[in-house]
Amino acid sequence: NKMMSNEVSPSFFLMQTPQGNPLLLSHTLQELLSKDSVQVELIPEKKGLFLKHVEYEVSSKRFKCSVYRRYNDFVVFHEMLLHKFPYRMVPALPPKRMLGADREFIESRRRALKRFINLVARHPPFSEDVLLKLFLSFSGSDVQNKLRELVQGVGDEFVTCRLATQAKDFLPADIQAQFAASRELIRNIYNSFYKLRDRAERIASRAIDNASDLLLFGKELSALGSDTTPLPSWAALNNNTWGTLKQALKGLSVEFALLADKAVQQGKQEENDVVEKLNLFLDLLQSYKDLCERHEKGVLHKHQRALHKYSMMKRQMMSATVQNKEPESVEQLESRIVEQENAIITMELRNYFSLYCLHQETQLIHIYLPLTSHILGAFVNSQIQGHKEMSKVWNELKPKLSCLFVGSSSMPTPPLSPPEGNFFSN
C-alpha cells in the first residue's frame, strides 16, 4: 500500500515493471491460486417469529479468520467493487432467493458464492484492496455500511490510478482489432466450456444414479435370499438348491452396498473437482464477457454521446455568431463548449484506460487457461480411482458367486457365448 501512496511518481512503475510496461502481468496460475483459499459454509437457518434467513461462515486462509455473512452483504460488496473497479472483471453473483427456495437452490447458491469470493480474492487489483480485506476480516455487525464508507468520495480506479491519464501510451496501435479478436476467442472458449460443464454434470449425476441402482439391486437379492415362504416338499424332492441359493444371495447385498458407496464417492468427487472447477472457469469467462459489454455500452457510448452534444453546441455557436446575438449568451455558450471539451477529453482518457484494463484482464484470462489441464487431470484421476475401487469390490464379489453353483454339478456355469451352430436347425 505504501507503493500506491500519492508520493509515488509514475516513473516508479515504469522501473518496477518488466520492459517498462505496466500493462504486462507477470503472475502464474499457481501464484493466483495461492493468493487465498476461501471457504463458504452454510450455518443452519435461524427461525424467529418473522425471521428466516441463510447465513454463511466465510473463512479466509490468507487473513486467518472466519466471519459471518448474509447474501445481502455479498450484494453490497459486489456493488462497491463495481463502483470502484468498473473496468475490471467483477464476477456476477448468483440470483436472490426465490420463494420456496429448496435445499438444492441454497446449496447451488452457496457454491456460487464460494466461486465468486475466490475469484475476487485472487484477482490482482482486488486482492490488494481494502474492500476485500474488510469483507473477509471485519467481524462487526454493520459490514454493509462499513463497505459503503470505504467507497464514499474516493472515486473509481480511473481517479485513483496514477497511470490512468497515460494509459494510451502503453496500448498497442491495433488495440481495437486485438480487442475484437480476444472477445471472439473468449466467446468460443466459453461456449465450449459451457457444453463440457453440462456433460460433466451428466456424468457425475449418472454415477450417483448408478449408486442407487446398485444399492437397490443388492437389496432385491437380499430380499430374495431372506424369503420365508415355506418350500413345499414336492417342489424340492431331495434337492436343497433353493436353500443354498438363498443363503448365497443374502450375503451379496453387502458387496452391492459397498459398490453403491464407491459410485456415490466418485459422483461427489466429480461434482467437486470437475464440475465446480468448470463452473469457476465459466464464471471468470462470463465476467470477461460482461466487462466487454460494459466497455461498449458504458464509456464508449458516453464518449459518443458527448461528441454528439459537442457538435450540436458548435453548430449553435456558429448560428449565434452569424445572427449577432448578445455577447452574454455567446459567452455562456462558449463556456459550455469549453466545459464539454473537457468532458470529452476525460471521456477519451477513460476510454483508453478502459482498454488498458481490458488488456490486463485479457492477460488474466490467459493466465487462467491452464486450469483446463487441472480440470482434465481431476476428471481422469476420478475415473481411474473410481474404476479401480469398484473393480476391487467386483473381484471380491466374484468368488462368492461360486457357491451359487454348489450342488449343481450337472449344471455348469452358464457359457458366456451361445454354442456354435444354428439354434433353429432341425
Protein backbone atom coordinates (compact mmCIF):
# COMPACT_ATOMS: atom_id res chain seq x y z
CA ASN A 1 0.00 0.00 0.00
CA LYS A 2 2.96 2.33 0.62
CA MET A 3 3.82 1.88 -3.04
CA MET A 4 0.39 3.19 -4.03
CA SER A 5 0.68 6.40 -1.95
CA ASN A 6 0.37 9.77 -3.64
CA GLU A 7 4.10 10.49 -3.33
CA VAL A 8 4.99 7.78 -5.86
CA SER A 9 5.77 9.10 -9.33
CA PRO A 10 4.57 7.27 -12.45
CA SER A 11 8.21 6.62 -13.41
CA PHE A 12 8.45 4.36 -10.34
CA PHE A 13 6.03 1.93 -12.01
CA LEU A 14 7.97 2.05 -15.26
CA MET A 15 11.13 0.98 -13.44
CA GLN A 16 9.36 -1.72 -11.47
CA THR A 17 7.57 -3.45 -14.34
CA PRO A 18 9.05 -5.80 -16.95
CA GLN A 19 10.35 -3.95 -20.04
CA GLY A 20 9.00 -0.75 -18.52
CA ASN A 21 5.43 -1.68 -19.49
CA PRO A 22 2.90 -1.60 -16.63
CA LEU A 23 0.42 -3.40 -18.89
CA LEU A 24 2.18 -6.72 -18.52
CA LEU A 25 1.03 -9.13 -15.83
CA SER A 26 3.78 -11.38 -14.54
CA HIS A 27 1.61 -13.77 -12.49
CA THR A 28 1.45 -17.53 -12.94
CA LEU A 29 -1.70 -19.59 -12.35
CA GLN A 30 -0.11 -21.09 -9.24
CA GLU A 31 0.57 -17.61 -7.82
CA LEU A 32 -3.04 -16.58 -8.40
CA LEU A 33 -4.45 -19.76 -6.83
CA SER A 34 -2.18 -19.44 -3.80
CA LYS A 35 -3.23 -15.80 -3.09
CA ASP A 36 -6.07 -17.13 -0.95
CA SER A 37 -8.47 -20.02 -0.50
CA VAL A 38 -11.84 -19.01 0.91
CA GLN A 39 -14.41 -21.47 2.29
CA VAL A 40 -18.11 -20.57 2.36
CA GLU A 41 -20.19 -22.84 4.58
CA LEU A 42 -23.88 -22.75 5.45
CA ILE A 43 -24.93 -22.00 9.01
CA PRO A 44 -28.27 -23.59 9.99
CA GLU A 45 -31.20 -21.25 9.45
CA LYS A 46 -32.41 -19.08 12.29
CA LYS A 47 -36.14 -19.21 12.78
CA GLY A 48 -37.75 -16.33 14.63
CA LEU A 49 -41.32 -15.06 14.52
CA PHE A 50 -40.77 -13.30 11.20
CA LEU A 51 -37.10 -14.01 10.58
CA LYS A 52 -35.83 -16.85 8.48
CA HIS A 53 -32.60 -16.30 6.61
CA VAL A 54 -29.50 -18.14 5.48
CA GLU A 55 -26.14 -17.16 6.94
CA TYR A 56 -22.70 -18.18 5.72
CA GLU A 57 -19.44 -18.69 7.54
CA VAL A 58 -16.74 -17.21 5.28
CA SER A 59 -13.21 -18.36 6.20
CA SER A 60 -10.12 -16.90 4.57
CA LYS A 61 -6.83 -18.80 4.70
CA ARG A 62 -4.90 -15.59 3.96
CA PHE A 63 -6.47 -13.47 6.70
CA LYS A 64 -6.69 -16.47 9.08
CA CYS A 65 -10.19 -15.64 10.23
CA SER A 66 -13.86 -16.54 9.86
CA VAL A 67 -16.71 -14.05 9.57
CA TYR A 68 -20.49 -14.44 9.23
CA ARG A 69 -22.11 -13.02 6.13
CA ARG A 70 -25.61 -12.91 4.67
CA TYR A 71 -26.39 -12.89 0.97
CA ASN A 72 -27.15 -9.13 1.11
CA ASP A 73 -23.62 -8.48 2.45
CA PHE A 74 -22.28 -10.10 -0.72
CA VAL A 75 -24.63 -7.89 -2.78
CA VAL A 76 -23.28 -4.66 -1.22
CA PHE A 77 -19.67 -5.89 -1.55
CA HIS A 78 -20.35 -6.66 -5.24
CA GLU A 79 -21.87 -3.17 -5.81
CA MET A 80 -18.91 -1.44 -4.16
CA LEU A 81 -16.42 -3.46 -6.24
CA LEU A 82 -18.24 -2.48 -9.44
CA HIS A 83 -18.34 1.15 -8.32
CA LYS A 84 -14.61 1.20 -7.58
CA PHE A 85 -13.44 -1.04 -10.44
CA PRO A 86 -15.85 -0.51 -13.35
CA TYR A 87 -13.18 -1.52 -15.90
CA ARG A 88 -12.28 -4.88 -14.27
CA MET A 89 -13.78 -8.37 -14.29
CA VAL A 90 -16.18 -8.37 -11.35
CA PRO A 91 -17.81 -11.83 -11.31
CA ALA A 92 -21.61 -11.93 -11.16
CA LEU A 93 -23.46 -13.03 -8.02
CA PRO A 94 -25.94 -15.93 -8.03
CA PRO A 95 -29.61 -14.87 -8.08
CA LYS A 96 -31.52 -13.72 -4.99
CA ARG A 97 -33.53 -16.23 -3.03
CA MET A 98 -36.78 -17.15 -4.71
CA LEU A 99 -39.97 -18.00 -2.86
CA GLY A 100 -39.94 -21.54 -1.59
CA ALA A 101 -36.20 -21.96 -2.27
CA ASP A 102 -35.32 -25.58 -1.66
CA ARG A 103 -32.13 -27.15 -0.33
CA GLU A 104 -30.81 -27.72 -3.82
CA PHE A 105 -31.13 -23.99 -4.64
CA ILE A 106 -29.49 -22.98 -1.34
CA GLU A 107 -26.59 -25.41 -1.92
CA SER A 108 -26.04 -24.26 -5.52
CA ARG A 109 -26.05 -20.63 -4.32
CA ARG A 110 -23.50 -21.45 -1.58
CA ARG A 111 -21.21 -22.98 -4.23
CA ALA A 112 -21.68 -19.93 -6.49
CA LEU A 113 -20.85 -17.50 -3.65
CA LYS A 114 -17.72 -19.55 -2.89
CA ARG A 115 -16.62 -19.33 -6.54
CA PHE A 116 -17.35 -15.56 -6.58
CA ILE A 117 -15.32 -14.76 -3.45
CA ASN A 118 -12.38 -16.94 -4.55
CA LEU A 119 -12.20 -15.28 -7.98
CA VAL A 120 -12.27 -11.86 -6.30
CA ALA A 121 -9.69 -12.83 -3.64
CA ARG A 122 -7.27 -14.00 -6.37
CA HIS A 123 -7.75 -11.05 -8.74
CA PRO A 124 -4.56 -8.88 -8.61
CA PRO A 125 -6.09 -5.37 -8.02
CA PHE A 126 -8.98 -6.66 -5.84
CA SER A 127 -6.72 -8.84 -3.68
CA GLU A 128 -4.77 -5.77 -2.51
CA ASP A 129 -7.82 -3.59 -1.96
CA VAL A 130 -9.22 -2.52 1.42
CA LEU A 131 -12.74 -3.61 0.35
CA LEU A 132 -11.70 -7.26 0.19
CA LYS A 133 -9.82 -7.12 3.48
CA LEU A 134 -12.84 -5.60 5.22
CA PHE A 135 -15.25 -8.13 3.72
CA LEU A 136 -13.11 -11.11 4.74
CA SER A 137 -11.99 -9.93 8.17
CA PHE A 138 -14.46 -7.39 9.67
CA SER A 139 -16.47 -9.12 12.38
CA GLY A 140 -18.67 -6.19 13.43
CA SER A 141 -22.39 -6.21 12.82
CA ASP A 142 -22.60 -3.42 10.24
CA VAL A 143 -20.41 -4.65 7.40
CA GLN A 144 -22.63 -3.11 4.68
CA ASN A 145 -22.24 0.48 5.92
CA LYS A 146 -18.51 -0.04 6.51
CA LEU A 147 -18.13 -1.16 2.86
CA ARG A 148 -20.06 1.90 1.63
CA GLU A 149 -17.96 4.23 3.78
CA LEU A 150 -14.76 2.90 2.18
CA VAL A 151 -16.00 3.87 -1.28
CA GLN A 152 -17.72 7.18 -0.44
CA GLY A 153 -15.97 10.16 -2.03
CA VAL A 154 -12.99 8.08 -3.16
CA GLY A 155 -13.75 7.85 -6.88
CA ASP A 156 -13.21 4.86 -9.12
CA GLU A 157 -9.93 3.31 -10.30
CA PHE A 158 -9.58 5.90 -13.11
CA VAL A 159 -9.45 8.68 -10.50
CA THR A 160 -7.13 6.83 -8.08
CA CYS A 161 -4.71 5.17 -10.54
CA ARG A 162 -1.73 7.44 -11.24
CA LEU A 163 -1.20 5.90 -14.66
CA ALA A 164 -4.79 6.44 -15.82
CA THR A 165 -4.10 9.54 -17.91
CA GLN A 166 -1.11 7.86 -19.60
CA ALA A 167 -2.93 4.65 -20.49
CA LYS A 168 -2.94 5.45 -24.22
CA ASP A 169 0.88 5.46 -24.32
CA PHE A 170 1.05 1.81 -23.27
CA LEU A 171 -1.57 0.44 -25.65
CA PRO A 172 -0.67 -1.25 -28.95
CA ALA A 173 -1.67 0.70 -32.07
CA ASP A 174 -4.10 -2.01 -33.22
CA ILE A 175 -5.84 -2.28 -29.83
CA GLN A 176 -9.38 -2.23 -31.33
CA ALA A 177 -8.62 -5.16 -33.68
CA GLN A 178 -6.96 -7.09 -30.83
CA PHE A 179 -9.92 -6.40 -28.54
CA ALA A 180 -12.38 -7.72 -31.18
CA ALA A 181 -10.26 -10.86 -31.76
CA SER A 182 -9.91 -11.51 -27.99
CA ARG A 183 -13.61 -11.08 -27.49
CA GLU A 184 -14.41 -13.63 -30.19
CA LEU A 185 -11.87 -16.13 -28.86
CA ILE A 186 -13.24 -15.88 -25.29
CA ARG A 187 -16.79 -16.27 -26.62
CA ASN A 188 -15.78 -19.51 -28.40
CA ILE A 189 -13.92 -20.85 -25.34
CA TYR A 190 -16.94 -20.01 -23.16
CA ASN A 191 -19.35 -21.86 -25.48
CA SER A 192 -17.16 -24.98 -25.49
CA PHE A 193 -16.65 -24.98 -21.73
CA TYR A 194 -20.38 -24.49 -21.20
CA LYS A 195 -21.02 -27.73 -23.12
CA LEU A 196 -18.18 -29.52 -21.28
CA ARG A 197 -19.68 -28.49 -17.93
CA ASP A 198 -23.10 -29.83 -18.95
CA ARG A 199 -21.58 -33.21 -19.95
CA ALA A 200 -19.50 -33.38 -16.75
CA GLU A 201 -22.66 -32.70 -14.72
CA ARG A 202 -24.44 -35.54 -16.50
CA ILE A 203 -21.50 -37.93 -15.92
CA ALA A 204 -21.40 -37.06 -12.20
CA SER A 205 -25.17 -37.43 -11.76
CA ARG A 206 -25.10 -40.75 -13.66
CA ALA A 207 -22.54 -42.07 -11.15
CA ILE A 208 -24.95 -41.13 -8.33
CA ASP A 209 -27.91 -42.74 -10.19
CA ASN A 210 -25.76 -45.81 -10.75
CA ALA A 211 -25.13 -45.96 -6.99
CA SER A 212 -28.83 -46.00 -6.17
CA ASP A 213 -29.46 -48.75 -8.79
CA LEU A 214 -26.62 -50.90 -7.40
CA LEU A 215 -27.96 -50.47 -3.86
CA LEU A 216 -31.49 -51.49 -4.91
CA PHE A 217 -30.10 -54.43 -6.92
CA GLY A 218 -28.32 -55.68 -3.78
CA LYS A 219 -31.40 -55.13 -1.62
CA GLU A 220 -33.52 -57.09 -4.06
CA LEU A 221 -31.05 -60.01 -3.96
CA SER A 222 -31.09 -59.82 -0.16
CA ALA A 223 -34.91 -59.80 -0.12
CA LEU A 224 -34.89 -62.88 -2.34
CA GLY A 225 -32.39 -64.58 0.00
CA SER A 226 -34.49 -63.69 3.06
CA ASP A 227 -37.76 -65.04 1.60
CA THR A 228 -39.51 -67.04 4.31
CA THR A 229 -42.17 -68.68 2.15
CA PRO A 230 -42.16 -72.38 3.10
CA LEU A 231 -40.70 -74.72 0.49
CA PRO A 232 -43.18 -77.44 -0.49
CA SER A 233 -41.55 -80.87 -0.37
CA TRP A 234 -42.96 -81.90 -3.77
CA ALA A 235 -41.05 -79.00 -5.44
CA ALA A 236 -37.62 -79.80 -3.99
CA LEU A 237 -37.71 -83.57 -3.51
CA ASN A 238 -34.21 -84.40 -2.20
CA ASN A 239 -32.59 -81.26 -3.69
CA ASN A 240 -31.71 -78.36 -1.38
CA THR A 241 -30.70 -75.96 -4.19
CA TRP A 242 -33.14 -73.21 -3.14
CA GLY A 243 -31.87 -73.12 0.45
CA THR A 244 -28.23 -72.91 -0.71
CA LEU A 245 -29.07 -70.23 -3.27
CA LYS A 246 -30.94 -68.18 -0.69
CA GLN A 247 -28.02 -68.31 1.71
CA ALA A 248 -25.62 -67.11 -1.01
CA LEU A 249 -27.90 -64.33 -2.28
CA LYS A 250 -28.45 -62.97 1.21
CA GLY A 251 -24.75 -62.14 1.67
CA LEU A 252 -24.34 -60.34 -1.66
CA SER A 253 -26.15 -57.18 -0.59
CA VAL A 254 -23.10 -56.12 1.47
CA GLU A 255 -20.93 -56.01 -1.68
CA PHE A 256 -23.59 -54.18 -3.65
CA ALA A 257 -23.96 -51.61 -0.86
CA LEU A 258 -20.18 -51.15 -0.99
CA LEU A 259 -20.29 -50.74 -4.79
CA ALA A 260 -23.06 -48.15 -4.38
CA ASP A 261 -20.93 -46.30 -1.83
CA LYS A 262 -17.96 -46.21 -4.22
CA ALA A 263 -20.18 -44.92 -7.06
CA VAL A 264 -21.55 -42.12 -4.82
CA GLN A 265 -18.00 -41.16 -3.83
CA GLN A 266 -16.98 -40.97 -7.48
CA GLY A 267 -20.03 -38.86 -8.39
CA LYS A 268 -19.41 -36.45 -5.49
CA GLN A 269 -15.71 -36.19 -6.34
CA GLU A 270 -16.56 -35.34 -9.95
CA GLU A 271 -19.06 -32.71 -8.78
CA ASN A 272 -16.44 -31.07 -6.55
CA ASP A 273 -13.26 -31.48 -8.59
CA VAL A 274 -14.53 -31.33 -12.17
CA VAL A 275 -17.95 -29.62 -12.35
CA GLU A 276 -17.05 -26.94 -9.76
CA LYS A 277 -13.74 -26.11 -11.47
CA LEU A 278 -15.56 -25.86 -14.81
CA ASN A 279 -18.14 -23.57 -13.17
CA LEU A 280 -15.36 -21.41 -11.68
CA PHE A 281 -13.76 -21.02 -15.11
CA LEU A 282 -17.16 -20.28 -16.70
CA ASP A 283 -17.84 -17.60 -14.06
CA LEU A 284 -14.49 -15.99 -14.91
CA LEU A 285 -15.15 -16.11 -18.69
CA GLN A 286 -18.65 -14.69 -18.14
CA SER A 287 -17.19 -11.80 -16.13
CA TYR A 288 -14.91 -11.04 -19.13
CA LYS A 289 -17.90 -11.05 -21.49
CA ASP A 290 -19.77 -8.73 -19.08
CA LEU A 291 -16.75 -6.41 -18.93
CA CYS A 292 -16.58 -6.17 -22.75
CA GLU A 293 -20.26 -5.22 -22.77
CA ARG A 294 -19.73 -2.61 -20.05
CA HIS A 295 -16.87 -1.14 -22.09
CA GLU A 296 -19.06 -0.78 -25.18
CA LYS A 297 -22.31 0.29 -23.50
CA GLY A 298 -20.64 2.42 -20.85
CA VAL A 299 -17.59 4.51 -21.55
CA LEU A 300 -17.65 4.13 -25.35
CA HIS A 301 -21.34 5.02 -25.57
CA LYS A 302 -20.90 8.04 -23.22
CA HIS A 303 -17.95 9.20 -25.30
CA GLN A 304 -20.02 9.09 -28.50
CA ARG A 305 -22.91 10.95 -26.79
CA ALA A 306 -20.52 13.63 -25.53
CA LEU A 307 -19.09 14.12 -29.04
CA HIS A 308 -22.60 14.43 -30.48
CA LYS A 309 -23.54 17.03 -27.83
CA TYR A 310 -20.31 18.93 -28.60
CA SER A 311 -21.02 19.12 -32.34
CA MET A 312 -24.57 20.39 -31.59
CA MET A 313 -23.14 23.15 -29.36
CA LYS A 314 -20.64 24.16 -32.04
CA ARG A 315 -23.49 24.49 -34.53
CA GLN A 316 -25.46 26.61 -32.02
CA MET A 317 -22.40 28.78 -31.50
CA MET A 318 -21.91 29.32 -35.22
CA SER A 319 -25.56 30.28 -35.77
CA ALA A 320 -25.42 32.61 -32.72
CA THR A 321 -22.35 34.35 -34.14
CA VAL A 322 -23.95 34.66 -37.58
CA GLN A 323 -27.12 36.15 -36.04
CA ASN A 324 -25.06 38.64 -33.95
CA LYS A 325 -26.67 37.60 -30.66
CA GLU A 326 -25.98 39.36 -27.36
CA PRO A 327 -22.37 38.91 -26.14
CA GLU A 328 -23.58 37.39 -22.82
CA SER A 329 -25.42 34.48 -24.43
CA VAL A 330 -22.44 33.87 -26.76
CA GLU A 331 -20.12 33.92 -23.73
CA GLN A 332 -22.33 31.40 -21.88
CA LEU A 333 -22.29 29.16 -24.91
CA GLU A 334 -18.51 29.46 -25.15
CA SER A 335 -18.00 28.43 -21.53
CA ARG A 336 -20.36 25.49 -22.03
CA ILE A 337 -18.34 24.45 -25.07
CA VAL A 338 -15.10 24.59 -23.06
CA GLU A 339 -16.79 22.50 -20.36
CA GLN A 340 -17.91 19.98 -22.96
CA GLU A 341 -14.42 19.88 -24.48
CA ASN A 342 -13.00 18.99 -21.05
CA ALA A 343 -15.68 16.34 -20.61
CA ILE A 344 -14.72 14.84 -23.99
CA ILE A 345 -11.01 14.79 -23.05
CA THR A 346 -11.90 12.98 -19.80
CA MET A 347 -14.14 10.56 -21.71
CA GLU A 348 -11.35 9.89 -24.18
CA LEU A 349 -8.90 9.23 -21.34
CA ARG A 350 -11.44 6.96 -19.65
CA ASN A 351 -11.94 5.09 -22.91
CA TYR A 352 -8.19 4.42 -23.19
CA PHE A 353 -8.00 3.50 -19.51
CA SER A 354 -10.90 1.09 -20.01
CA LEU A 355 -8.97 -0.54 -22.91
CA TYR A 356 -5.81 -0.57 -20.76
CA CYS A 357 -7.66 -2.50 -18.04
CA LEU A 358 -9.28 -4.77 -20.64
CA HIS A 359 -5.82 -5.58 -21.98
CA GLN A 360 -4.75 -6.67 -18.49
CA GLU A 361 -7.95 -8.62 -17.86
CA THR A 362 -7.41 -10.46 -21.17
CA GLN A 363 -3.95 -11.48 -19.94
CA LEU A 364 -5.54 -12.65 -16.70
CA ILE A 365 -7.90 -14.93 -18.63
CA HIS A 366 -4.90 -16.41 -20.46
CA ILE A 367 -3.09 -16.96 -17.14
CA TYR A 368 -6.18 -18.94 -16.03
CA LEU A 369 -6.38 -21.01 -19.26
CA PRO A 370 -4.04 -23.80 -17.97
CA LEU A 371 -6.82 -24.51 -15.45
CA THR A 372 -8.06 -26.72 -18.32
CA SER A 373 -5.29 -29.23 -17.61
CA HIS A 374 -6.16 -29.19 -13.87
CA ILE A 375 -9.79 -29.96 -14.74
CA LEU A 376 -8.91 -32.76 -17.18
CA GLY A 377 -6.42 -34.19 -14.67
CA ALA A 378 -9.09 -34.21 -11.95
CA PHE A 379 -11.55 -35.90 -14.34
CA VAL A 380 -9.12 -38.65 -15.41
CA ASN A 381 -7.98 -39.24 -11.81
CA SER A 382 -11.54 -39.58 -10.51
CA GLN A 383 -12.34 -42.08 -13.29
CA ILE A 384 -9.17 -44.14 -12.62
CA GLN A 385 -9.70 -44.07 -8.86
CA GLY A 386 -13.43 -44.86 -9.14
CA HIS A 387 -12.96 -47.76 -11.56
CA LYS A 388 -10.02 -49.14 -9.55
CA GLU A 389 -12.00 -49.18 -6.30
CA MET A 390 -15.13 -50.62 -7.90
CA SER A 391 -13.11 -53.24 -9.76
CA LYS A 392 -11.64 -54.37 -6.42
CA VAL A 393 -15.13 -54.87 -4.94
CA TRP A 394 -16.38 -56.69 -8.08
CA ASN A 395 -13.34 -59.01 -7.85
CA GLU A 396 -14.06 -59.72 -4.18
CA LEU A 397 -17.69 -60.43 -5.04
CA LYS A 398 -16.90 -62.91 -7.86
CA PRO A 399 -15.69 -65.88 -5.68
CA LYS A 400 -18.88 -65.55 -3.61
CA LEU A 401 -20.87 -66.42 -6.71
CA SER A 402 -19.21 -69.85 -6.92
CA CYS A 403 -21.39 -71.10 -4.05
CA LEU A 404 -24.43 -70.35 -6.24
CA PHE A 405 -23.41 -73.32 -8.37
CA VAL A 406 -22.71 -75.72 -5.45
CA GLY A 407 -24.66 -78.94 -5.64
CA SER A 408 -25.45 -78.44 -9.29
CA SER A 409 -22.50 -80.21 -10.85
CA SER A 410 -24.77 -81.30 -13.64
CA MET A 411 -25.41 -77.57 -14.25
CA PRO A 412 -22.09 -75.99 -15.20
CA THR A 413 -21.56 -72.20 -15.10
CA PRO A 414 -23.64 -70.75 -17.95
CA PRO A 415 -21.49 -70.28 -21.07
CA LEU A 416 -20.51 -66.69 -21.85
CA SER A 417 -21.40 -67.04 -25.52
CA PRO A 418 -24.01 -69.22 -27.27
CA PRO A 419 -22.81 -72.63 -28.54
CA GLU A 420 -21.76 -72.82 -32.14
CA GLY A 421 -24.23 -73.98 -34.73
CA ASN A 422 -27.69 -72.87 -35.63
CA PHE A 423 -30.24 -72.87 -32.83
CA PHE A 424 -33.01 -73.28 -35.35
CA SER A 425 -31.56 -76.19 -37.36
CA ASN A 426 -33.63 -79.36 -37.33
